Amino acid sequence: MKKCNFSVKLNPKKAKGSIADQNAKLIKIFNRKFKKSGIVKELRNKRFPITRGMKRRKKIATGKRRAQKNKLK
C-alpha cells in the first residue's frame, strides 16, 4: 500500500461566506483528493485474495474494453 499524506487548507484571501460554507468547501476538496488517491479502491481490492482465474478474467475484460475503446476512435 502506498503512503498518502495530504492536507487541505483554505486560502484566507479567497475565504468567502460563513465558517460553515468554508468547512463544506474544505470537506469537498478533501473528499476529491481522498478518492483520487485510490485508498478506498486499494482496500476494496485487498478484502479477499485474487485467484489465477480471476486475474485471467480481469485481463480478458480489460483487453475487450481497450479494443472497444480503440474501435470507437
C-alpha atoms as a PDB file:
ATOM      1  CA  MET A   1       0.000   0.000   0.000  1.00  0.00           C
ATOM      2  CA  LYS A   2       1.431   3.346  -0.999  1.00  0.00           C
ATOM      3  CA  LYS A   3       1.668   6.108   1.569  1.00  0.00           C
ATOM      4  CA  CYS A   4      -0.682   9.046   1.111  1.00  0.00           C
ATOM      5  CA  ASN A   5      -0.177  12.155   3.143  1.00  0.00           C
ATOM      6  CA  PHE A   6      -2.267  15.085   2.033  1.00  0.00           C
ATOM      7  CA  SER A   7      -3.794  18.078   3.720  1.00  0.00           C
ATOM      8  CA  VAL A   8      -6.397  20.632   2.804  1.00  0.00           C
ATOM      9  CA  LYS A   9      -6.070  24.332   3.555  1.00  0.00           C
ATOM     10  CA  LEU A  10      -8.250  27.238   2.614  1.00  0.00           C
ATOM     11  CA  ASN A  11      -6.570  30.371   1.322  1.00  0.00           C
ATOM     12  CA  PRO A  12      -7.502  33.169   3.772  1.00  0.00           C
ATOM     13  CA  LYS A  13      -7.545  35.743   0.958  1.00  0.00           C
ATOM     14  CA  LYS A  14     -10.121  33.739  -1.004  1.00  0.00           C
ATOM     15  CA  ALA A  15     -12.246  32.808   2.008  1.00  0.00           C
ATOM     16  CA  LYS A  16     -15.821  33.855   1.320  1.00  0.00           C
ATOM     17  CA  GLY A  17     -19.029  33.139   3.150  1.00  0.00           C
ATOM     18  CA  SER A  18     -19.605  31.795   6.626  1.00  0.00           C
ATOM     19  CA  ILE A  19     -17.438  29.327   8.508  1.00  0.00           C
ATOM     20  CA  ALA A  20     -19.921  26.545   7.699  1.00  0.00           C
ATOM     21  CA  ASP A  21     -19.619  27.293   3.967  1.00  0.00           C
ATOM     22  CA  GLN A  22     -15.835  27.292   4.177  1.00  0.00           C
ATOM     23  CA  ASN A  23     -15.852  23.971   6.054  1.00  0.00           C
ATOM     24  CA  ALA A  24     -18.188  22.448   3.481  1.00  0.00           C
ATOM     25  CA  LYS A  25     -15.792  23.531   0.734  1.00  0.00           C
ATOM     26  CA  LEU A  26     -12.831  22.022   2.610  1.00  0.00           C
ATOM     27  CA  ILE A  27     -14.689  18.728   3.020  1.00  0.00           C
ATOM     28  CA  LYS A  28     -15.447  18.643  -0.719  1.00  0.00           C
ATOM     29  CA  ILE A  29     -11.788  19.251  -1.552  1.00  0.00           C
ATOM     30  CA  PHE A  30     -10.662  16.579   0.925  1.00  0.00           C
ATOM     31  CA  ASN A  31     -13.113  14.013  -0.470  1.00  0.00           C
ATOM     32  CA  ARG A  32     -11.915  14.714  -4.007  1.00  0.00           C
ATOM     33  CA  LYS A  33      -8.265  14.236  -3.001  1.00  0.00           C
ATOM     34  CA  PHE A  34      -9.128  11.121  -0.992  1.00  0.00           C
ATOM     35  CA  LYS A  35     -10.920   9.476  -3.936  1.00  0.00           C
ATOM     36  CA  LYS A  36      -8.155  10.438  -6.336  1.00  0.00           C
ATOM     37  CA  SER A  37      -5.507   8.886  -4.061  1.00  0.00           C
ATOM     38  CA  GLY A  38      -7.107   5.452  -4.551  1.00  0.00           C
ATOM     39  CA  ILE A  39      -7.004   4.372  -0.897  1.00  0.00           C
ATOM     40  CA  VAL A  40     -10.585   3.071  -0.887  1.00  0.00           C
ATOM     41  CA  LYS A  41     -10.094   1.235  -4.184  1.00  0.00           C
ATOM     42  CA  GLU A  42      -6.943  -0.427  -2.883  1.00  0.00           C
ATOM     43  CA  LEU A  43      -8.636  -1.551   0.343  1.00  0.00           C
ATOM     44  CA  ARG A  44     -11.574  -2.946  -1.635  1.00  0.00           C
ATOM     45  CA  ASN A  45      -9.181  -4.958  -3.807  1.00  0.00           C
ATOM     46  CA  LYS A  46      -7.377  -6.375  -0.758  1.00  0.00           C
ATOM     47  CA  ARG A  47     -10.527  -7.621   1.025  1.00  0.00           C
ATOM     48  CA  PHE A  48     -10.057 -11.131  -0.342  1.00  0.00           C
ATOM     49  CA  PRO A  49      -7.322 -12.969  -2.252  1.00  0.00           C
ATOM     50  CA  ILE A  50      -7.452 -12.875  -6.055  1.00  0.00           C
ATOM     51  CA  THR A  51      -7.158 -16.273  -7.735  1.00  0.00           C
ATOM     52  CA  ARG A  52      -5.417 -17.005 -11.029  1.00  0.00           C
ATOM     53  CA  GLY A  53      -8.768 -17.406 -12.767  1.00  0.00           C
ATOM     54  CA  MET A  54      -9.982 -14.041 -11.515  1.00  0.00           C
ATOM     55  CA  LYS A  55      -6.786 -12.391 -12.763  1.00  0.00           C
ATOM     56  CA  ARG A  56      -7.224 -14.040 -16.163  1.00  0.00           C
ATOM     57  CA  ARG A  57     -10.870 -12.955 -16.467  1.00  0.00           C
ATOM     58  CA  LYS A  58      -9.958  -9.399 -15.448  1.00  0.00           C
ATOM     59  CA  LYS A  59      -7.155  -9.317 -18.025  1.00  0.00           C
ATOM     60  CA  ILE A  60      -9.503 -10.515 -20.781  1.00  0.00           C
ATOM     61  CA  ALA A  61     -12.176  -7.977 -19.791  1.00  0.00           C
ATOM     62  CA  THR A  62      -9.711  -5.065 -19.810  1.00  0.00           C
ATOM     63  CA  GLY A  63      -8.449  -6.163 -23.231  1.00  0.00           C
ATOM     64  CA  LYS A  64     -12.005  -6.213 -24.574  1.00  0.00           C
ATOM     65  CA  ARG A  65     -12.660  -2.742 -23.130  1.00  0.00           C
ATOM     66  CA  ARG A  66      -9.440  -1.439 -24.653  1.00  0.00           C
ATOM     67  CA  ALA A  67     -10.311  -2.917 -28.059  1.00  0.00           C
ATOM     68  CA  GLN A  68     -13.822  -1.426 -27.876  1.00  0.00           C
ATOM     69  CA  LYS A  69     -12.390   1.976 -26.957  1.00  0.00           C
ATOM     70  CA  ASN A  70      -9.860   1.859 -29.838  1.00  0.00           C
ATOM     71  CA  LYS A  71     -12.606   0.766 -32.224  1.00  0.00           C
ATOM     72  CA  LEU A  72     -14.607   3.915 -31.445  1.00  0.00           C
ATOM     73  CA  LYS A  73     -11.659   6.208 -32.247  1.00  0.00           C
END
